[in-house]
């Protein structure tokens, strides 16, 4: 598919509405637009994670999957074509196990932090969770594969953060404070 953007400033959204992929106009505060925005934000945070990660090819693939997800979201009748998101879920599950395998089992909760890369991976994890909540709120059966993908993606970012913290050896562990 070829994309050509001749004009960036269109003034089409100046009154608080935007266009969906099928040309329908919708308010910018619609829950669907909020969900699309969360997926877009996650993709941008992922760009920051890539700055600190050796697994750039994996992250590039995830960014493209998220962009595809945005296309699924912005066309109301579009389905997950040929189970692409379902295949991506299986791929992510394999990555999670591959990255997690050398990590010591957790004996405490992990606080976001450690290395700069790990901190960005934790940020990506929480943005993925928010995007997942926004999709769940839409309550559309056609979005179930996207919800599952985002759920697995947050797991991926958790183990990636631990990996970026020397496979968990530099994790910051929760220390319950007594009042």
Foldseek 3Di string as FASTA:
>chain_A
DDDDDPDDDDCPCVVQWDAFPVGDIDGCPPLLNVLLVLLVVLLVLLVVLCVQDPPNVVSVVVSVVSVVLSNQSRPVVRAPPPCPLVVVLVVLVVLLCVLLVVADDDPFDFDQDFDPSLNSLQVSLVSLVVSLVSVVVVVDPRCVSVNSSSVSSSSSSNSVSCVSNVRVPRTHGDDDDDD
